Amino acid sequence: MKTFHYIVEGRVQKVGYRFYVGYRLSKLGLNGKIKNLDNGDVEIFLQGDEEKIFIGEKYLKMGSPLSKVENIRKNVVEKEEFFKFNIEY
């Protein structure tokens, strides 16, 4: 299964980004995880229907009302299969 990996840069920590985006990705039926990185970025792994992933990417760019996404890096990686979506703290 394809796993899409994203690094989201900008004001994305302490502004509800993980919860806001994670909730929407989960509602789309995507599997994976979202977590904060020590450098202030957010890391996301997504698996699922590519059409839903395309929709999910819009949420990544939009972010929460208080966030400001400046850049998103995307690539495809080898990763174990996820069976649900997790918001890691």
PDB file of N, CA and C in Angstrom:
ATOM      1  N   MET A   1       0.840  -1.180   0.000  1.00  0.00           N
ATOM      2  CA  MET A   1       0.000   0.000   0.000  1.00  0.00           C
ATOM      3  C   MET A   1       0.885   1.242   0.000  1.00  0.00           C
ATOM      4  N   LYS A   2       0.498   2.239  -0.789  1.00  0.00           N
ATOM      5  CA  LYS A   2       1.231   3.507  -0.830  1.00  0.00           C
ATOM      6  C   LYS A   2       1.035   4.267   0.473  1.00  0.00           C
ATOM      7  N   THR A   3       2.130   4.799   0.969  1.00  0.00           N
ATOM      8  CA  THR A   3       2.071   5.654   2.146  1.00  0.00           C
ATOM      9  C   THR A   3       2.632   7.011   1.761  1.00  0.00           C
ATOM     10  N   PHE A   4       1.820   8.038   1.946  1.00  0.00           N
ATOM     11  CA  PHE A   4       2.246   9.400   1.662  1.00  0.00           C
ATOM     12  C   PHE A   4       2.752  10.024   2.955  1.00  0.00           C
ATOM     13  N   HIS A   5       3.906  10.658   2.850  1.00  0.00           N
ATOM     14  CA  HIS A   5       4.561  11.264   4.014  1.00  0.00           C
ATOM     15  C   HIS A   5       4.648  12.763   3.772  1.00  0.00           C
ATOM     16  N   TYR A   6       4.242  13.538   4.785  1.00  0.00           N
ATOM     17  CA  TYR A   6       4.239  14.994   4.681  1.00  0.00           C
ATOM     18  C   TYR A   6       4.966  15.604   5.869  1.00  0.00           C
ATOM     19  N   ILE A   7       5.681  16.663   5.610  1.00  0.00           N
ATOM     20  CA  ILE A   7       6.227  17.531   6.649  1.00  0.00           C
ATOM     21  C   ILE A   7       5.601  18.900   6.411  1.00  0.00           C
ATOM     22  N   VAL A   8       4.870  19.380   7.413  1.00  0.00           N
ATOM     23  CA  VAL A   8       4.176  20.662   7.303  1.00  0.00           C
ATOM     24  C   VAL A   8       4.949  21.679   8.128  1.00  0.00           C
ATOM     25  N   GLU A   9       5.336  22.766   7.476  1.00  0.00           N
ATOM     26  CA  GLU A   9       6.124  23.818   8.124  1.00  0.00           C
ATOM     27  C   GLU A   9       5.292  25.079   8.271  1.00  0.00           C
ATOM     28  N   GLY A  10       5.598  25.855   9.287  1.00  0.00           N
ATOM     29  CA  GLY A  10       4.899  27.113   9.540  1.00  0.00           C
ATOM     30  C   GLY A  10       4.476  27.181  10.993  1.00  0.00           C
ATOM     31  N   ARG A  11       3.437  27.959  11.261  1.00  0.00           N
ATOM     32  CA  ARG A  11       2.888  28.034  12.618  1.00  0.00           C
ATOM     33  C   ARG A  11       1.843  26.925  12.732  1.00  0.00           C
ATOM     34  N   VAL A  12       2.314  25.725  13.093  1.00  0.00           N
ATOM     35  CA  VAL A  12       1.453  24.543  13.100  1.00  0.00           C
ATOM     36  C   VAL A  12       1.470  23.803  14.443  1.00  0.00           C
ATOM     37  N   GLN A  13       2.147  24.351  15.428  1.00  0.00           N
ATOM     38  CA  GLN A  13       2.107  23.769  16.766  1.00  0.00           C
ATOM     39  C   GLN A  13       1.508  24.782  17.729  1.00  0.00           C
ATOM     40  N   LYS A  14       0.787  24.264  18.711  1.00  0.00           N
ATOM     41  CA  LYS A  14       0.108  25.079  19.736  1.00  0.00           C
ATOM     42  C   LYS A  14      -0.991  25.970  19.150  1.00  0.00           C
ATOM     43  N   VAL A  15      -1.550  25.540  18.012  1.00  0.00           N
ATOM     44  CA  VAL A  15      -2.653  26.276  17.379  1.00  0.00           C
ATOM     45  C   VAL A  15      -3.801  25.345  16.983  1.00  0.00           C
ATOM     46  N   GLY A  16      -3.792  24.101  17.492  1.00  0.00           N
ATOM     47  CA  GLY A  16      -4.849  23.142  17.195  1.00  0.00           C
ATOM     48  C   GLY A  16      -4.737  22.463  15.849  1.00  0.00           C
ATOM     49  N   TYR A  17      -3.585  22.586  15.194  1.00  0.00           N
ATOM     50  CA  TYR A  17      -3.419  22.023  13.847  1.00  0.00           C
ATOM     51  C   TYR A  17      -3.625  20.510  13.845  1.00  0.00           C
ATOM     52  N   ARG A  18      -2.933  19.797  14.750  1.00  0.00           N
ATOM     53  CA  ARG A  18      -3.021  18.326  14.754  1.00  0.00           C
ATOM     54  C   ARG A  18      -4.451  17.850  14.949  1.00  0.00           C
ATOM     55  N   PHE A  19      -5.138  18.409  15.929  1.00  0.00           N
ATOM     56  CA  PHE A  19      -6.508  17.978  16.196  1.00  0.00           C
ATOM     57  C   PHE A  19      -7.429  18.326  15.034  1.00  0.00           C
ATOM     58  N   TYR A  20      -7.349  19.547  14.554  1.00  0.00           N
ATOM     59  CA  TYR A  20      -8.222  20.037  13.484  1.00  0.00           C
ATOM     60  C   TYR A  20      -8.038  19.205  12.206  1.00  0.00           C
ATOM     61  N   VAL A  21      -6.798  19.058  11.786  1.00  0.00           N
ATOM     62  CA  VAL A  21      -6.508  18.318  10.555  1.00  0.00           C
ATOM     63  C   VAL A  21      -6.707  16.815  10.772  1.00  0.00           C
ATOM     64  N   GLY A  22      -6.230  16.310  11.902  1.00  0.00           N
ATOM     65  CA  GLY A  22      -6.368  14.880  12.185  1.00  0.00           C
ATOM     66  C   GLY A  22      -7.811  14.431  12.214  1.00  0.00           C
ATOM     67  N   TYR A  23      -8.674  15.233  12.808  1.00  0.00           N
ATOM     68  CA  TYR A  23     -10.098  14.909  12.859  1.00  0.00           C
ATOM     69  C   TYR A  23     -10.676  14.794  11.449  1.00  0.00           C
ATOM     70  N   ARG A  24     -10.325  15.733  10.590  1.00  0.00           N
ATOM     71  CA  ARG A  24     -10.855  15.724   9.225  1.00  0.00           C
ATOM     72  C   ARG A  24     -10.310  14.555   8.392  1.00  0.00           C
ATOM     73  N   LEU A  25      -9.041  14.248   8.569  1.00  0.00           N
ATOM     74  CA  LEU A  25      -8.463  13.112   7.846  1.00  0.00           C
ATOM     75  C   LEU A  25      -9.118  11.811   8.285  1.00  0.00           C
ATOM     76  N   SER A  26      -9.348  11.685   9.571  1.00  0.00           N
ATOM     77  CA  SER A  26     -10.021  10.500  10.107  1.00  0.00           C
ATOM     78  C   SER A  26     -11.435  10.383   9.551  1.00  0.00           C
ATOM     79  N   LYS A  27     -12.163  11.497   9.488  1.00  0.00           N
ATOM     80  CA  LYS A  27     -13.532  11.493   8.965  1.00  0.00           C
ATOM     81  C   LYS A  27     -13.580  11.108   7.487  1.00  0.00           C
ATOM     82  N   LEU A  28     -12.497  11.371   6.752  1.00  0.00           N
ATOM     83  CA  LEU A  28     -12.428  10.964   5.344  1.00  0.00           C
ATOM     84  C   LEU A  28     -12.222   9.463   5.200  1.00  0.00           C
ATOM     85  N   GLY A  29     -11.890   8.792   6.308  1.00  0.00           N
ATOM     86  CA  GLY A  29     -11.648   7.353   6.264  1.00  0.00           C
ATOM     87  C   GLY A  29     -10.208   7.005   5.945  1.00  0.00           C
ATOM     88  N   LEU A  30      -9.311   7.980   6.095  1.00  0.00           N
ATOM     89  CA  LEU A  30      -7.895   7.727   5.843  1.00  0.00           C
ATOM     90  C   LEU A  30      -7.239   7.125   7.084  1.00  0.00           C
ATOM     91  N   ASN A  31      -6.191   6.365   6.866  1.00  0.00           N
ATOM     92  CA  ASN A  31      -5.412   5.780   7.953  1.00  0.00           C
ATOM     93  C   ASN A  31      -4.046   6.441   7.995  1.00  0.00           C
ATOM     94  N   GLY A  32      -3.436   6.444   9.173  1.00  0.00           N
ATOM     95  CA  GLY A  32      -2.105   7.015   9.315  1.00  0.00           C
ATOM     96  C   GLY A  32      -1.923   7.637  10.673  1.00  0.00           C
ATOM     97  N   LYS A  33      -1.087   8.679  10.720  1.00  0.00           N
ATOM     98  CA  LYS A  33      -0.863   9.368  11.986  1.00  0.00           C
ATOM     99  C   LYS A  33      -0.363  10.777  11.731  1.00  0.00           C
ATOM    100  N   ILE A  34      -0.528  11.608  12.751  1.00  0.00           N
ATOM    101  CA  ILE A  34      -0.049  12.986  12.717  1.00  0.00           C
ATOM    102  C   ILE A  34       0.623  13.259  14.056  1.00  0.00           C
ATOM    103  N   LYS A  35       1.784  13.907  14.011  1.00  0.00           N
ATOM    104  CA  LYS A  35       2.483  14.203  15.264  1.00  0.00           C
ATOM    105  C   LYS A  35       3.360  15.430  15.106  1.00  0.00           C
ATOM    106  N   ASN A  36       3.630  16.079  16.237  1.00  0.00           N
ATOM    107  CA  ASN A  36       4.543  17.215  16.270  1.00  0.00           C
ATOM    108  C   ASN A  36       5.979  16.727  16.216  1.00  0.00           C
ATOM    109  N   LEU A  37       6.827  17.511  15.576  1.00  0.00           N
ATOM    110  CA  LEU A  37       8.263  17.244  15.586  1.00  0.00           C
ATOM    111  C   LEU A  37       8.944  18.266  16.493  1.00  0.00           C
ATOM    112  N   ASP A  38      10.103  17.921  16.989  1.00  0.00           N
ATOM    113  CA  ASP A  38      10.835  18.790  17.912  1.00  0.00           C
ATOM    114  C   ASP A  38      11.204  20.142  17.303  1.00  0.00           C
ATOM    115  N   ASN A  39      11.314  20.217  15.979  1.00  0.00           N
ATOM    116  CA  ASN A  39      11.734  21.468  15.339  1.00  0.00           C
ATOM    117  C   ASN A  39      10.571  22.423  15.046  1.00  0.00           C
ATOM    118  N   GLY A  40       9.350  22.077  15.477  1.00  0.00           N
ATOM    119  CA  GLY A  40       8.196  22.946  15.265  1.00  0.00           C
ATOM    120  C   GLY A  40       7.322  22.563  14.082  1.00  0.00           C
ATOM    121  N   ASP A  41       7.766  21.594  13.288  1.00  0.00           N
ATOM    122  CA  ASP A  41       6.980  21.119  12.149  1.00  0.00           C
ATOM    123  C   ASP A  41       6.012  20.029  12.610  1.00  0.00           C
ATOM    124  N   VAL A  42       5.128  19.619  11.706  1.00  0.00           N
ATOM    125  CA  VAL A  42       4.211  18.512  11.954  1.00  0.00           C
ATOM    126  C   VAL A  42       4.449  17.462  10.879  1.00  0.00           C
ATOM    127  N   GLU A  43       4.486  16.196  11.303  1.00  0.00           N
ATOM    128  CA  GLU A  43       4.701  15.069  10.393  1.00  0.00           C
ATOM    129  C   GLU A  43       3.404  14.287  10.264  1.00  0.00           C
ATOM    130  N   ILE A  44       3.094  13.901   9.024  1.00  0.00           N
ATOM    131  CA  ILE A  44       1.857  13.162   8.753  1.00  0.00           C
ATOM    132  C   ILE A  44       2.167  12.006   7.819  1.00  0.00           C
ATOM    133  N   PHE A  45       1.605  10.841   8.130  1.00  0.00           N
ATOM    134  CA  PHE A  45       1.622   9.681   7.245  1.00  0.00           C
ATOM    135  C   PHE A  45       0.177   9.392   6.876  1.00  0.00           C
ATOM    136  N   LEU A  46      -0.107   9.179   5.580  1.00  0.00           N
ATOM    137  CA  LEU A  46      -1.467   8.894   5.126  1.00  0.00           C
ATOM    138  C   LEU A  46      -1.495   7.678   4.223  1.00  0.00           C
ATOM    139  N   GLN A  47      -2.503   6.852   4.433  1.00  0.00           N
ATOM    140  CA  GLN A  47      -2.787   5.715   3.568  1.00  0.00           C
ATOM    141  C   GLN A  47      -4.279   5.708   3.278  1.00  0.00           C
ATOM    142  N   GLY A  48      -4.630   5.273   2.085  1.00  0.00           N
ATOM    143  CA  GLY A  48      -6.044   5.175   1.734  1.00  0.00           C
ATOM    144  C   GLY A  48      -6.273   5.478   0.274  1.00  0.00           C
ATOM    145  N   ASP A  49      -7.526   5.645  -0.054  1.00  0.00           N
ATOM    146  CA  ASP A  49      -7.952   5.953  -1.407  1.00  0.00           C
ATOM    147  C   ASP A  49      -7.299   7.265  -1.865  1.00  0.00           C
ATOM    148  N   GLU A  50      -6.675   7.239  -3.034  1.00  0.00           N
ATOM    149  CA  GLU A  50      -5.930   8.417  -3.490  1.00  0.00           C
ATOM    150  C   GLU A  50      -6.824   9.637  -3.717  1.00  0.00           C
ATOM    151  N   GLU A  51      -8.071   9.434  -4.077  1.00  0.00           N
ATOM    152  CA  GLU A  51      -8.986  10.564  -4.231  1.00  0.00           C
ATOM    153  C   GLU A  51      -9.235  11.227  -2.871  1.00  0.00           C
ATOM    154  N   LYS A  52      -9.397  10.410  -1.829  1.00  0.00           N
ATOM    155  CA  LYS A  52      -9.594  10.950  -0.487  1.00  0.00           C
ATOM    156  C   LYS A  52      -8.314  11.610   0.027  1.00  0.00           C
ATOM    157  N   ILE A  53      -7.167  11.063  -0.346  1.00  0.00           N
ATOM    158  CA  ILE A  53      -5.899  11.679   0.046  1.00  0.00           C
ATOM    159  C   ILE A  53      -5.779  13.056  -0.599  1.00  0.00           C
ATOM    160  N   PHE A  54      -6.190  13.174  -1.847  1.00  0.00           N
ATOM    161  CA  PHE A  54      -6.171  14.473  -2.527  1.00  0.00           C
ATOM    162  C   PHE A  54      -7.031  15.490  -1.769  1.00  0.00           C
ATOM    163  N   ILE A  55      -8.208  15.066  -1.332  1.00  0.00           N
ATOM    164  CA  ILE A  55      -9.074  15.939  -0.534  1.00  0.00           C
ATOM    165  C   ILE A  55      -8.401  16.265   0.792  1.00  0.00           C
ATOM    166  N   GLY A  56      -7.795  15.252   1.429  1.00  0.00           N
ATOM    167  CA  GLY A  56      -7.105  15.447   2.698  1.00  0.00           C
ATOM    168  C   GLY A  56      -5.968  16.444   2.596  1.00  0.00           C
ATOM    169  N   GLU A  57      -5.286  16.474   1.464  1.00  0.00           N
ATOM    170  CA  GLU A  57      -4.185  17.420   1.282  1.00  0.00           C
ATOM    171  C   GLU A  57      -4.678  18.872   1.340  1.00  0.00           C
ATOM    172  N   LYS A  58      -5.912  19.092   0.957  1.00  0.00           N
ATOM    173  CA  LYS A  58      -6.485  20.445   1.061  1.00  0.00           C
ATOM    174  C   LYS A  58      -6.580  20.858   2.525  1.00  0.00           C
ATOM    175  N   TYR A  59      -6.939  19.904   3.402  1.00  0.00           N
ATOM    176  CA  TYR A  59      -6.990  20.197   4.840  1.00  0.00           C
ATOM    177  C   TYR A  59      -5.595  20.466   5.391  1.00  0.00           C
ATOM    178  N   LEU A  60      -4.588  19.742   4.881  1.00  0.00           N
ATOM    179  CA  LEU A  60      -3.216  19.979   5.328  1.00  0.00           C
ATOM    180  C   LEU A  60      -2.806  21.415   5.018  1.00  0.00           C
ATOM    181  N   LYS A  61      -3.150  21.876   3.831  1.00  0.00           N
ATOM    182  CA  LYS A  61      -2.790  23.235   3.407  1.00  0.00           C
ATOM    183  C   LYS A  61      -3.586  24.292   4.153  1.00  0.00           C
ATOM    184  N   MET A  62      -4.860  24.023   4.391  1.00  0.00           N
ATOM    185  CA  MET A  62      -5.734  24.983   5.051  1.00  0.00           C
ATOM    186  C   MET A  62      -5.381  25.104   6.534  1.00  0.00           C
ATOM    187  N   GLY A  63      -5.193  23.981   7.196  1.00  0.00           N
ATOM    188  CA  GLY A  63      -4.863  23.979   8.612  1.00  0.00           C
ATOM    189  C   GLY A  63      -6.008  24.451   9.485  1.00  0.00           C
ATOM    190  N   SER A  64      -5.704  24.679  10.748  1.00  0.00           N
ATOM    191  CA  SER A  64      -6.700  25.166  11.704  1.00  0.00           C
ATOM    192  C   SER A  64      -6.834  26.682  11.546  1.00  0.00           C
ATOM    193  N   PRO A  65      -7.886  27.258  12.127  1.00  0.00           N
ATOM    194  CA  PRO A  65      -8.070  28.716  11.993  1.00  0.00           C
ATOM    195  C   PRO A  65      -6.889  29.550  12.499  1.00  0.00           C
ATOM    196  N   LEU A  66      -6.153  29.069  13.493  1.00  0.00           N
ATOM    197  CA  LEU A  66      -5.037  29.838  14.052  1.00  0.00           C
ATOM    198  C   LEU A  66      -3.685  29.494  13.431  1.00  0.00           C
ATOM    199  N   SER A  67      -3.641  28.462  12.610  1.00  0.00           N
ATOM    200  CA  SER A  67      -2.354  28.049  12.034  1.00  0.00           C
ATOM    201  C   SER A  67      -2.034  28.850  10.780  1.00  0.00           C
ATOM    202  N   LYS A  68      -0.771  28.772  10.381  1.00  0.00           N
ATOM    203  CA  LYS A  68      -0.337  29.391   9.134  1.00  0.00           C
ATOM    204  C   LYS A  68       0.659  28.430   8.482  1.00  0.00           C
ATOM    205  N   VAL A  69       0.190  27.683   7.497  1.00  0.00           N
ATOM    206  CA  VAL A  69       1.026  26.719   6.791  1.00  0.00           C
ATOM    207  C   VAL A  69       1.882  27.478   5.784  1.00  0.00           C
ATOM    208  N   GLU A  70       3.189  27.315   5.883  1.00  0.00           N
ATOM    209  CA  GLU A  70       4.113  27.995   4.978  1.00  0.00           C
ATOM    210  C   GLU A  70       4.645  27.080   3.882  1.00  0.00           C
ATOM    211  N   ASN A  71       4.782  25.790   4.190  1.00  0.00           N
ATOM    212  CA  ASN A  71       5.335  24.861   3.207  1.00  0.00           C
ATOM    213  C   ASN A  71       4.935  23.442   3.583  1.00  0.00           C
ATOM    214  N   ILE A  72       4.720  22.611   2.560  1.00  0.00           N
ATOM    215  CA  ILE A  72       4.453  21.189   2.776  1.00  0.00           C
ATOM    216  C   ILE A  72       5.373  20.399   1.867  1.00  0.00           C
ATOM    217  N   ARG A  73       6.154  19.510   2.471  1.00  0.00           N
ATOM    218  CA  ARG A  73       6.991  18.593   1.697  1.00  0.00           C
ATOM    219  C   ARG A  73       6.287  17.239   1.656  1.00  0.00           C
ATOM    220  N   LYS A  74       6.243  16.630   0.484  1.00  0.00           N
ATOM    221  CA  LYS A  74       5.516  15.372   0.295  1.00  0.00           C
ATOM    222  C   LYS A  74       6.398  14.365  -0.427  1.00  0.00           C
ATOM    223  N   ASN A  75       6.334  13.122   0.027  1.00  0.00           N
ATOM    224  CA  ASN A  75       6.966  12.027  -0.701  1.00  0.00           C
ATOM    225  C   ASN A  75       6.243  10.731  -0.386  1.00  0.00           C
ATOM    226  N   VAL A  76       6.574   9.686  -1.112  1.00  0.00           N
ATOM    227  CA  VAL A  76       6.003   8.360  -0.893  1.00  0.00           C
ATOM    228  C   VAL A  76       7.066   7.522  -0.210  1.00  0.00           C
ATOM    229  N   VAL A  77       6.670   6.819   0.868  1.00  0.00           N
ATOM    230  CA  VAL A  77       7.617   6.030   1.647  1.00  0.00           C
ATOM    231  C   VAL A  77       7.089   4.615   1.841  1.00  0.00           C
ATOM    232  N   GLU A  78       7.989   3.717   2.193  1.00  0.00           N
ATOM    233  CA  GLU A  78       7.619   2.363   2.596  1.00  0.00           C
ATOM    234  C   GLU A  78       7.284   2.415   4.074  1.00  0.00           C
ATOM    235  N   LYS A  79       6.114   1.959   4.452  1.00  0.00           N
ATOM    236  CA  LYS A  79       5.689   2.008   5.849  1.00  0.00           C
ATOM    237  C   LYS A  79       4.722   0.862   6.091  1.00  0.00           C
ATOM    238  N   GLU A  80       4.700   0.376   7.326  1.00  0.00           N
ATOM    239  CA  GLU A  80       3.731  -0.660   7.667  1.00  0.00           C
ATOM    240  C   GLU A  80       2.318  -0.124   7.469  1.00  0.00           C
ATOM    241  N   GLU A  81       1.386  -1.042   7.326  1.00  0.00           N
ATOM    242  CA  GLU A  81       0.004  -0.625   7.103  1.00  0.00           C
ATOM    243  C   GLU A  81      -0.604  -0.077   8.392  1.00  0.00           C
ATOM    244  N   PHE A  82      -1.289   1.045   8.275  1.00  0.00           N
ATOM    245  CA  PHE A  82      -2.024   1.628   9.389  1.00  0.00           C
ATOM    246  C   PHE A  82      -3.467   1.137   9.295  1.00  0.00           C
ATOM    247  N   PHE A  83      -4.103   0.894  10.435  1.00  0.00           N
ATOM    248  CA  PHE A  83      -5.468   0.399  10.444  1.00  0.00           C
ATOM    249  C   PHE A  83      -6.477   1.428  10.950  1.00  0.00           C
ATOM    250  N   LYS A  84      -5.978   2.589  11.364  1.00  0.00           N
ATOM    251  CA  LYS A  84      -6.830   3.695  11.775  1.00  0.00           C
ATOM    252  C   LYS A  84      -5.990   4.961  11.707  1.00  0.00           C
ATOM    253  N   PHE A  85      -6.576   6.075  12.072  1.00  0.00           N
ATOM    254  CA  PHE A  85      -5.829   7.321  12.088  1.00  0.00           C
ATOM    255  C   PHE A  85      -5.576   7.738  13.531  1.00  0.00           C
ATOM    256  N   ASN A  86      -4.318   8.032  13.861  1.00  0.00           N
ATOM    257  CA  ASN A  86      -3.932   8.410  15.217  1.00  0.00           C
ATOM    258  C   ASN A  86      -3.408   9.832  15.268  1.00  0.00           C
ATOM    259  N   ILE A  87      -3.824  10.545  16.278  1.00  0.00           N
ATOM    260  CA  ILE A  87      -3.257  11.851  16.595  1.00  0.00           C
ATOM    261  C   ILE A  87      -2.318  11.603  17.766  1.00  0.00           C
ATOM    262  N   GLU A  88      -1.017  11.739  17.529  1.00  0.00           N
ATOM    263  CA  GLU A  88      -0.031  11.466  18.581  1.00  0.00           C
ATOM    264  C   GLU A  88       0.320  12.738  19.316  1.00  0.00           C
ATOM    265  N   TYR A  89       0.545  12.586  20.614  1.00  0.00           N
ATOM    266  CA  TYR A  89       0.862  13.729  21.466  1.00  0.00           C
ATOM    267  C   TYR A  89       2.271  13.631  21.993  1.00  0.00           C
TER     268      TYR A  89
END
